[in-house]
Amino acid sequence: MDNQPARRVRAIVSVGGEVLGALPAFPVESPWWADVEPVARYLDALLGVRTDVLRIAGVVGGQSPRGGEVTYLVEAAEPPRADLTWEPVEQTGDHPLRAPYAEPGGPRAILDWADEALAAYGRPRVGPPVQVKTWNLSCVYELPTAGGPVWSKTTRTFESPEPVAIALVGAHDPLLVPTVLAADAIAGRMLLDHIPGEDCWDADEATIGVAIRRWVAVQAALAGTLGDDLPDRRRTTMPARLDRLPAAAADLTAEERDALDELLADLPALSAAVAATGLPETLVHGDFHPGNWRSDGSGATFVDWSDWSRGHPATDVLRLAAYLPPERWRVAVRAWVDAWTAVLPGANPAAAIPLLTPLDHLQAALTYQGFLDHIEPDEYRYHLSDPAEQLRLALATHQELVTA
């Protein structure tokens, strides 16, 4: 079993809108489905031309979001070498919810826009683009320039507009956010300057403490200043978003549905209890895990703002619980409680964490169901189990509150 490849790839290749066929499956070192850099690298060498991965079309084996044999639709920039053998394949149809960058010509449109924006900025691209990631929520390229790498990120229109959050946060602490070099709000495109350092998956206690203290300072400064036209996931407006709940709860048992009814009946009391802890609702990152922090040792910069919204600040510290070992999670909570206590001496941030936990899982279920509602079926495999999983966590943590 240890000798099995992390992921096998089957590529269906097209050029100029014409499907050439499928190539024999090949192994790549990365198991993650959305990690397409090794896929394009192999195909570029095999075909003799540059390629872009359009989208995932099927998976055999593996477990979301990794492993197995993954079929991708791939677009070649030019006709490939002529001595290749192609396996015939059926044509795939269109879908109204397909991401624009997953359509033929979609990657080219991104790169054309990026090249024009970089030239206008005075940092033209000096080498071939590298497609790093593509999936139902984003498409990411690394673009070499004489001034260092620039990152092109394109997101979906149903996601929160990242440049808006970056500007709001950057007005208070510009080192906490990446630098936006260009943005096209309608198409969901942006160019971000490279952030030196490494992702903070193994963040130490010092990094955790500094990151949280600086983030709390910004959240406190933004509280009460955000407009009504911004993404809204506040607990007080949650009843208006429960229209997605029936679909999210489709896989629950009858007993779990009864428990969900009890949670929903308790929403007003839970919301009032959270409010009584004294923390303001403000801007939240929404996916505040250390893999979305970058650090060169002098501080942390937060990336991937596509889940930001107005909400309760405990949402972000709760997100860390799934990514930090228990001792560092306790460090994070202690730093968060201390930071908010310093800002609001009369508040009780420690009490907010258990109270908000079931509400946070309930909101996560609605968010994941929102993803499923806005993506094509071939992409469901990334999120299909997430709504029910989050609902079950909401029920479990609510039960802990009730029986405490």
Protein backbone atom coordinates (compact mmCIF):
# COMPACT_ATOMS: atom_id res chain seq x y z
CA MET A 1 0.00 0.00 0.00
CA ASP A 2 2.87 2.40 0.80
CA ASN A 3 4.06 2.08 -2.81
CA GLN A 4 0.79 3.39 -4.21
CA PRO A 5 1.01 6.87 -5.83
CA ALA A 6 -0.50 9.77 -3.92
CA ARG A 7 -2.77 10.49 -6.88
CA ARG A 8 -3.14 9.20 -10.41
CA VAL A 9 -4.29 11.55 -13.13
CA ARG A 10 -6.23 10.93 -16.32
CA ALA A 11 -6.22 13.95 -18.61
CA ILE A 12 -8.81 14.65 -21.31
CA VAL A 13 -7.13 17.21 -23.54
CA SER A 14 -8.65 19.76 -25.90
CA VAL A 15 -7.15 22.44 -28.12
CA GLY A 16 -9.07 25.25 -29.77
CA GLY A 17 -12.33 23.78 -28.52
CA GLU A 18 -11.67 20.36 -30.09
CA VAL A 19 -11.31 17.37 -27.76
CA LEU A 20 -8.32 15.26 -28.78
CA GLY A 21 -9.00 12.43 -26.33
CA ALA A 22 -7.59 11.05 -23.08
CA LEU A 23 -4.01 10.20 -22.23
CA PRO A 24 -2.89 7.16 -20.20
CA ALA A 25 -3.12 7.77 -16.45
CA PHE A 26 0.04 8.95 -14.74
CA PRO A 27 1.08 9.44 -11.08
CA VAL A 28 1.74 12.78 -9.40
CA GLU A 29 3.36 13.38 -6.05
CA SER A 30 0.66 15.57 -4.50
CA PRO A 31 -2.55 13.85 -3.33
CA TRP A 32 -4.74 16.99 -3.34
CA TRP A 33 -7.28 17.22 -6.15
CA ALA A 34 -7.12 21.00 -6.39
CA ASP A 35 -3.31 21.00 -6.62
CA VAL A 36 -2.88 21.08 -10.39
CA GLU A 37 0.69 22.37 -10.65
CA PRO A 38 2.23 18.87 -10.94
CA VAL A 39 -0.51 17.88 -13.41
CA ALA A 40 0.19 20.78 -15.78
CA ARG A 41 3.96 20.34 -15.36
CA TYR A 42 3.79 16.69 -16.49
CA LEU A 43 1.48 17.47 -19.39
CA ASP A 44 3.56 20.44 -20.56
CA ALA A 45 6.57 18.14 -20.87
CA LEU A 46 4.63 15.29 -22.49
CA LEU A 47 2.70 17.38 -25.01
CA GLY A 48 5.46 19.88 -25.73
CA VAL A 49 3.08 22.81 -25.24
CA ARG A 50 1.72 24.76 -22.27
CA THR A 51 -1.47 23.43 -20.69
CA ASP A 52 -4.12 24.65 -18.24
CA VAL A 53 -6.35 22.43 -16.14
CA LEU A 54 -9.97 23.45 -16.60
CA ARG A 55 -11.78 21.34 -14.04
CA ILE A 56 -12.22 17.98 -12.37
CA ALA A 57 -14.51 15.58 -14.23
CA GLY A 58 -14.42 12.41 -12.15
CA VAL A 59 -12.69 10.48 -9.38
CA VAL A 60 -12.30 6.76 -8.79
CA GLY A 61 -11.20 5.86 -5.28
CA GLY A 62 -9.59 8.34 -2.94
CA GLN A 63 -11.36 10.30 -0.24
CA SER A 64 -12.35 13.92 -0.63
CA PRO A 65 -10.35 15.99 -1.32
CA ARG A 66 -7.40 13.73 -2.09
CA GLY A 67 -6.14 10.51 -3.64
CA GLY A 68 -7.56 8.07 -6.16
CA GLU A 69 -7.55 8.37 -9.94
CA VAL A 70 -8.72 11.83 -10.91
CA THR A 71 -9.92 12.79 -14.38
CA TYR A 72 -9.34 16.40 -15.39
CA LEU A 73 -10.35 18.35 -18.46
CA VAL A 74 -7.22 20.09 -19.76
CA GLU A 75 -6.77 22.74 -22.43
CA ALA A 76 -3.58 22.90 -24.52
CA ALA A 77 -2.51 26.35 -25.67
CA GLU A 78 -1.41 24.98 -29.04
CA PRO A 79 -1.65 21.67 -30.94
CA PRO A 80 0.58 19.15 -29.13
CA ARG A 81 3.19 16.88 -30.64
CA ALA A 82 1.76 14.53 -33.25
CA ASP A 83 3.12 11.16 -32.05
CA LEU A 84 0.75 10.75 -29.08
CA THR A 85 -1.90 8.06 -28.80
CA TRP A 86 -5.33 9.29 -27.70
CA GLU A 87 -8.07 7.27 -26.07
CA PRO A 88 -11.50 8.23 -27.46
CA VAL A 89 -13.82 9.92 -24.96
CA GLU A 90 -17.37 11.19 -24.95
CA GLN A 91 -17.87 14.93 -25.24
CA THR A 92 -18.85 16.67 -22.01
CA GLY A 93 -21.80 19.03 -21.94
CA ASP A 94 -22.11 22.57 -20.70
CA HIS A 95 -23.51 23.46 -17.29
CA PRO A 96 -24.98 26.82 -16.26
CA LEU A 97 -23.14 26.77 -12.90
CA ARG A 98 -19.71 26.05 -14.34
CA ALA A 99 -16.98 28.47 -13.27
CA PRO A 100 -15.91 30.77 -16.13
CA TYR A 101 -12.29 29.72 -15.61
CA ALA A 102 -13.34 26.07 -16.06
CA GLU A 103 -14.60 26.75 -19.59
CA PRO A 104 -12.34 26.50 -22.66
CA GLY A 105 -10.65 29.84 -23.01
CA GLY A 106 -11.27 30.72 -19.34
CA PRO A 107 -7.63 30.42 -18.19
CA ARG A 108 -6.50 32.38 -21.24
CA ALA A 109 -8.90 35.20 -20.32
CA ILE A 110 -7.43 35.33 -16.81
CA LEU A 111 -3.86 35.46 -18.09
CA ASP A 112 -4.65 38.07 -20.75
CA TRP A 113 -6.21 40.30 -18.07
CA ALA A 114 -3.29 39.68 -15.71
CA ASP A 115 -0.70 40.50 -18.39
CA GLU A 116 -2.47 43.75 -19.24
CA ALA A 117 -2.77 44.71 -15.56
CA LEU A 118 0.88 43.85 -14.82
CA ALA A 119 2.08 45.86 -17.80
CA ALA A 120 0.04 48.85 -16.65
CA TYR A 121 1.48 48.46 -13.16
CA GLY A 122 5.02 48.42 -14.54
CA ARG A 123 5.77 44.79 -13.65
CA PRO A 124 5.27 42.76 -16.82
CA ARG A 125 5.46 39.01 -16.67
CA VAL A 126 8.94 37.69 -17.51
CA GLY A 127 8.29 33.94 -17.71
CA PRO A 128 5.57 31.34 -18.21
CA PRO A 129 2.62 31.34 -15.80
CA VAL A 130 2.34 28.47 -13.34
CA GLN A 131 -1.16 27.22 -12.59
CA VAL A 132 -1.07 26.29 -8.92
CA LYS A 133 -4.65 25.48 -8.01
CA THR A 134 -8.07 25.15 -9.58
CA TRP A 135 -11.35 23.90 -8.15
CA ASN A 136 -14.94 25.03 -7.71
CA LEU A 137 -14.05 28.08 -5.58
CA SER A 138 -10.92 29.54 -7.16
CA CYS A 139 -8.21 29.40 -9.80
CA VAL A 140 -4.70 30.49 -8.80
CA TYR A 141 -1.62 31.23 -10.91
CA GLU A 142 1.90 32.24 -9.93
CA LEU A 143 3.21 34.85 -12.37
CA PRO A 144 6.95 35.63 -12.48
CA THR A 145 7.95 39.29 -12.75
CA ALA A 146 11.29 41.07 -12.42
CA GLY A 147 10.09 42.37 -9.05
CA GLY A 148 9.25 38.91 -7.73
CA PRO A 149 6.24 36.61 -8.03
CA VAL A 150 2.72 37.94 -8.38
CA TRP A 151 -0.29 35.77 -7.58
CA SER A 152 -3.38 35.77 -9.76
CA LYS A 153 -6.50 34.60 -7.94
CA THR A 154 -9.96 34.31 -9.48
CA THR A 155 -12.95 33.48 -7.30
CA ARG A 156 -16.66 32.91 -7.86
CA THR A 157 -19.28 35.63 -7.78
CA PHE A 158 -21.10 33.99 -4.84
CA GLU A 159 -18.00 34.35 -2.63
CA SER A 160 -17.15 37.40 -0.57
CA PRO A 161 -15.12 40.00 -2.54
CA GLU A 162 -11.60 39.68 -1.17
CA PRO A 163 -10.28 43.13 -2.17
CA VAL A 164 -13.03 44.78 -0.10
CA ALA A 165 -11.97 42.99 3.09
CA ILE A 166 -8.28 43.54 2.34
CA ALA A 167 -8.89 47.28 2.01
CA LEU A 168 -10.92 47.45 5.24
CA VAL A 169 -8.29 45.58 7.24
CA GLY A 170 -5.35 47.27 5.53
CA ALA A 171 -6.61 50.68 6.57
CA HIS A 172 -5.86 49.69 10.18
CA ASP A 173 -2.95 47.24 9.80
CA PRO A 174 -1.55 47.01 6.26
CA LEU A 175 0.93 44.29 7.24
CA LEU A 176 -1.92 41.90 8.09
CA VAL A 177 -3.09 41.65 4.47
CA PRO A 178 -1.53 41.06 1.06
CA THR A 179 -1.00 43.96 -1.34
CA VAL A 180 -3.59 44.08 -4.12
CA LEU A 181 -1.90 45.20 -7.35
CA ALA A 182 -5.04 45.04 -9.51
CA ALA A 183 -8.61 43.81 -9.23
CA ASP A 184 -11.62 43.19 -11.46
CA ALA A 185 -14.60 42.97 -9.11
CA ILE A 186 -17.08 41.85 -11.78
CA ALA A 187 -14.96 38.89 -12.89
CA GLY A 188 -13.69 38.12 -9.38
CA ARG A 189 -10.05 38.55 -10.43
CA MET A 190 -7.19 40.07 -8.49
CA LEU A 191 -3.41 40.24 -8.54
CA LEU A 192 -1.62 39.97 -5.20
CA ASP A 193 2.01 40.74 -4.50
CA HIS A 194 4.05 37.86 -3.12
CA ILE A 195 4.27 37.55 0.69
CA PRO A 196 7.72 36.42 1.85
CA GLY A 197 7.97 33.56 4.30
CA GLU A 198 6.06 30.33 4.75
CA ASP A 199 2.55 29.19 5.53
CA CYS A 200 2.13 28.82 9.28
CA TRP A 201 0.73 25.29 9.51
CA ASP A 202 3.09 24.63 12.41
CA ALA A 203 2.71 28.07 13.99
CA ASP A 204 4.50 28.33 17.32
CA GLU A 205 3.06 29.98 20.41
CA ALA A 206 4.74 33.32 19.73
CA THR A 207 3.36 33.51 16.18
CA ILE A 208 -0.13 32.55 17.38
CA GLY A 209 -0.10 35.16 20.11
CA VAL A 210 1.09 38.02 17.91
CA ALA A 211 -1.30 37.14 15.08
CA ILE A 212 -4.32 37.02 17.37
CA ARG A 213 -3.49 40.22 19.23
CA ARG A 214 -3.06 42.17 16.01
CA TRP A 215 -6.24 40.71 14.53
CA VAL A 216 -8.31 41.54 17.61
CA ALA A 217 -7.03 45.13 17.47
CA VAL A 218 -8.28 45.45 13.89
CA GLN A 219 -11.61 43.76 14.64
CA ALA A 220 -12.17 46.11 17.56
CA ALA A 221 -11.40 49.12 15.36
CA LEU A 222 -13.81 47.94 12.66
CA ALA A 223 -16.69 47.10 15.00
CA GLY A 224 -19.66 49.34 14.31
CA THR A 225 -18.17 50.76 11.09
CA LEU A 226 -19.25 48.16 8.51
CA GLY A 227 -22.00 48.92 6.03
CA ASP A 228 -25.22 46.98 5.55
CA ASP A 229 -24.24 46.06 1.98
CA LEU A 230 -21.40 43.79 3.09
CA PRO A 231 -21.54 39.97 3.43
CA ASP A 232 -23.58 39.19 6.54
CA ARG A 233 -23.30 36.07 8.71
CA ARG A 234 -24.27 37.62 12.01
CA ARG A 235 -26.10 35.39 14.47
CA THR A 236 -28.85 38.02 14.66
CA THR A 237 -29.62 37.62 10.95
CA MET A 238 -29.26 33.83 10.85
CA PRO A 239 -33.05 33.16 10.67
CA ALA A 240 -33.10 34.92 7.30
CA ARG A 241 -30.51 32.44 5.96
CA LEU A 242 -32.23 29.23 7.06
CA ASP A 243 -33.75 28.67 3.61
CA ARG A 244 -30.76 26.42 2.81
CA LEU A 245 -31.26 24.35 5.95
CA PRO A 246 -33.64 21.67 4.49
CA ALA A 247 -31.10 20.71 1.84
CA ALA A 248 -28.25 20.75 4.36
CA ALA A 249 -30.24 18.51 6.71
CA ALA A 250 -31.32 16.01 4.05
CA ASP A 251 -29.00 13.26 5.34
CA LEU A 252 -29.91 13.60 9.03
CA THR A 253 -31.77 10.84 10.85
CA ALA A 254 -35.21 11.43 12.35
CA GLU A 255 -33.65 11.69 15.79
CA GLU A 256 -31.12 14.24 14.53
CA ARG A 257 -33.91 16.27 12.93
CA ASP A 258 -35.68 16.42 16.27
CA ALA A 259 -32.48 17.64 17.88
CA LEU A 260 -32.11 20.22 15.12
CA ASP A 261 -35.62 21.50 15.86
CA GLU A 262 -34.58 21.93 19.50
CA LEU A 263 -31.49 23.88 18.44
CA LEU A 264 -33.55 26.15 16.19
CA ALA A 265 -36.03 26.77 19.00
CA ASP A 266 -33.10 27.75 21.22
CA LEU A 267 -31.62 30.23 18.72
CA PRO A 268 -33.13 33.38 20.31
CA ALA A 269 -31.90 32.41 23.79
CA LEU A 270 -28.44 31.48 22.48
CA SER A 271 -28.18 34.73 20.55
CA ALA A 272 -29.16 36.73 23.64
CA ALA A 273 -26.60 34.86 25.74
CA VAL A 274 -23.86 35.59 23.19
CA ALA A 275 -24.82 39.26 23.16
CA ALA A 276 -24.62 39.36 26.95
CA THR A 277 -20.90 38.47 26.79
CA GLY A 278 -20.33 41.99 25.49
CA LEU A 279 -18.30 41.42 22.33
CA PRO A 280 -19.25 43.38 19.20
CA GLU A 281 -20.02 41.83 15.84
CA THR A 282 -17.37 42.93 13.37
CA LEU A 283 -15.42 41.75 10.35
CA VAL A 284 -14.41 38.08 10.55
CA HIS A 285 -11.98 36.29 8.27
CA GLY A 286 -14.13 33.17 8.11
CA ASP A 287 -11.35 30.67 7.36
CA PHE A 288 -8.90 31.73 10.03
CA HIS A 289 -6.61 28.72 10.19
CA PRO A 290 -2.78 28.88 10.29
CA GLY A 291 -2.50 27.59 6.72
CA ASN A 292 -3.96 30.96 5.72
CA TRP A 293 -1.24 32.84 7.62
CA ARG A 294 2.13 33.66 6.04
CA SER A 295 5.13 34.64 8.12
CA ASP A 296 8.82 35.38 7.60
CA GLY A 297 9.38 35.40 11.36
CA SER A 298 8.54 39.06 11.85
CA GLY A 299 4.74 38.73 11.98
CA ALA A 300 1.82 37.13 10.17
CA THR A 301 -0.08 38.16 7.05
CA PHE A 302 -3.54 36.67 6.50
CA VAL A 303 -4.54 35.40 3.05
CA ASP A 304 -7.61 33.80 1.43
CA TRP A 305 -10.34 36.27 2.38
CA SER A 306 -13.13 34.73 0.26
CA ASP A 307 -15.17 33.69 3.35
CA TRP A 308 -15.08 37.03 5.17
CA SER A 309 -18.25 38.61 6.47
CA ARG A 310 -19.77 40.59 9.29
CA GLY A 311 -20.06 38.23 12.22
CA HIS A 312 -18.98 37.43 15.74
CA PRO A 313 -15.20 37.55 16.39
CA ALA A 314 -15.25 34.19 18.20
CA THR A 315 -15.84 32.63 14.77
CA ASP A 316 -12.18 33.08 13.89
CA VAL A 317 -10.68 31.69 17.07
CA LEU A 318 -13.08 28.73 16.87
CA ARG A 319 -11.78 27.96 13.39
CA LEU A 320 -8.33 27.36 14.88
CA ALA A 321 -9.61 24.49 17.03
CA ALA A 322 -9.61 22.08 14.09
CA TYR A 323 -6.05 22.93 13.05
CA LEU A 324 -4.00 23.43 16.21
CA PRO A 325 -2.89 20.72 18.64
CA PRO A 326 -4.72 21.02 21.98
CA GLU A 327 -1.94 22.82 23.84
CA ARG A 328 -1.58 25.47 21.13
CA TRP A 329 -5.35 25.81 20.84
CA ARG A 330 -5.38 26.70 24.55
CA VAL A 331 -2.64 29.26 23.87
CA ALA A 332 -4.76 30.76 21.08
CA VAL A 333 -7.86 30.96 23.27
CA ARG A 334 -5.88 32.54 26.11
CA ALA A 335 -4.37 35.13 23.77
CA TRP A 336 -7.79 35.86 22.26
CA VAL A 337 -9.50 36.23 25.64
CA ASP A 338 -6.70 38.46 26.95
CA ALA A 339 -6.75 40.65 23.84
CA TRP A 340 -10.51 41.23 23.96
CA THR A 341 -10.46 41.76 27.73
CA ALA A 342 -7.84 44.47 27.24
CA VAL A 343 -9.99 46.19 24.62
CA LEU A 344 -13.31 45.72 26.46
CA PRO A 345 -12.64 45.25 30.19
CA GLY A 346 -16.31 44.68 30.96
CA ALA A 347 -16.76 41.89 28.39
CA ASN A 348 -16.62 38.15 29.01
CA PRO A 349 -14.99 36.72 25.86
CA ALA A 350 -14.29 33.31 27.44
CA ALA A 351 -18.03 32.75 27.88
CA ALA A 352 -18.70 33.58 24.21
CA ILE A 353 -16.74 30.61 22.85
CA PRO A 354 -18.96 27.71 24.02
CA LEU A 355 -22.13 29.72 23.39
CA LEU A 356 -21.21 30.55 19.82
CA THR A 357 -19.87 27.09 18.92
CA PRO A 358 -23.21 25.48 17.88
CA LEU A 359 -24.23 28.64 16.03
CA ASP A 360 -20.91 28.66 14.22
CA HIS A 361 -21.34 25.05 13.08
CA LEU A 362 -24.88 25.83 11.98
CA GLN A 363 -23.62 28.74 9.90
CA ALA A 364 -20.87 26.55 8.43
CA ALA A 365 -23.51 24.04 7.31
CA LEU A 366 -25.42 26.83 5.56
CA THR A 367 -22.23 28.10 3.94
CA TYR A 368 -21.26 24.68 2.61
CA GLN A 369 -24.78 24.14 1.32
CA GLY A 370 -24.45 27.50 -0.40
CA PHE A 371 -21.38 26.20 -2.19
CA LEU A 372 -23.30 23.14 -3.36
CA ASP A 373 -26.17 25.32 -4.54
CA HIS A 374 -23.84 27.34 -6.76
CA ILE A 375 -21.52 24.75 -8.33
CA GLU A 376 -21.97 22.10 -10.99
CA PRO A 377 -22.47 18.43 -10.00
CA ASP A 378 -18.97 17.33 -11.06
CA GLU A 379 -17.64 19.55 -8.26
CA TYR A 380 -20.01 18.35 -5.51
CA ARG A 381 -17.46 15.76 -4.38
CA TYR A 382 -15.47 18.50 -2.62
CA HIS A 383 -18.32 19.50 -0.26
CA LEU A 384 -21.03 16.84 -0.39
CA SER A 385 -20.66 15.59 3.19
CA ASP A 386 -19.83 18.96 4.73
CA PRO A 387 -23.33 20.36 5.47
CA ALA A 388 -24.49 17.28 7.39
CA GLU A 389 -21.14 16.98 9.17
CA GLN A 390 -21.37 20.58 10.38
CA LEU A 391 -25.00 20.12 11.46
CA ARG A 392 -24.03 17.10 13.54
CA LEU A 393 -21.27 19.15 15.19
CA ALA A 394 -23.84 21.88 15.87
CA LEU A 395 -26.16 19.36 17.51
CA ALA A 396 -23.37 17.81 19.60
CA THR A 397 -22.08 21.14 20.91
CA HIS A 398 -25.60 22.37 21.59
CA GLN A 399 -26.27 19.24 23.60
CA GLU A 400 -23.10 19.92 25.60
CA LEU A 401 -24.43 23.37 26.44
CA VAL A 402 -27.84 22.06 27.44
CA THR A 403 -26.45 19.38 29.73
CA ALA A 404 -23.61 21.49 31.22
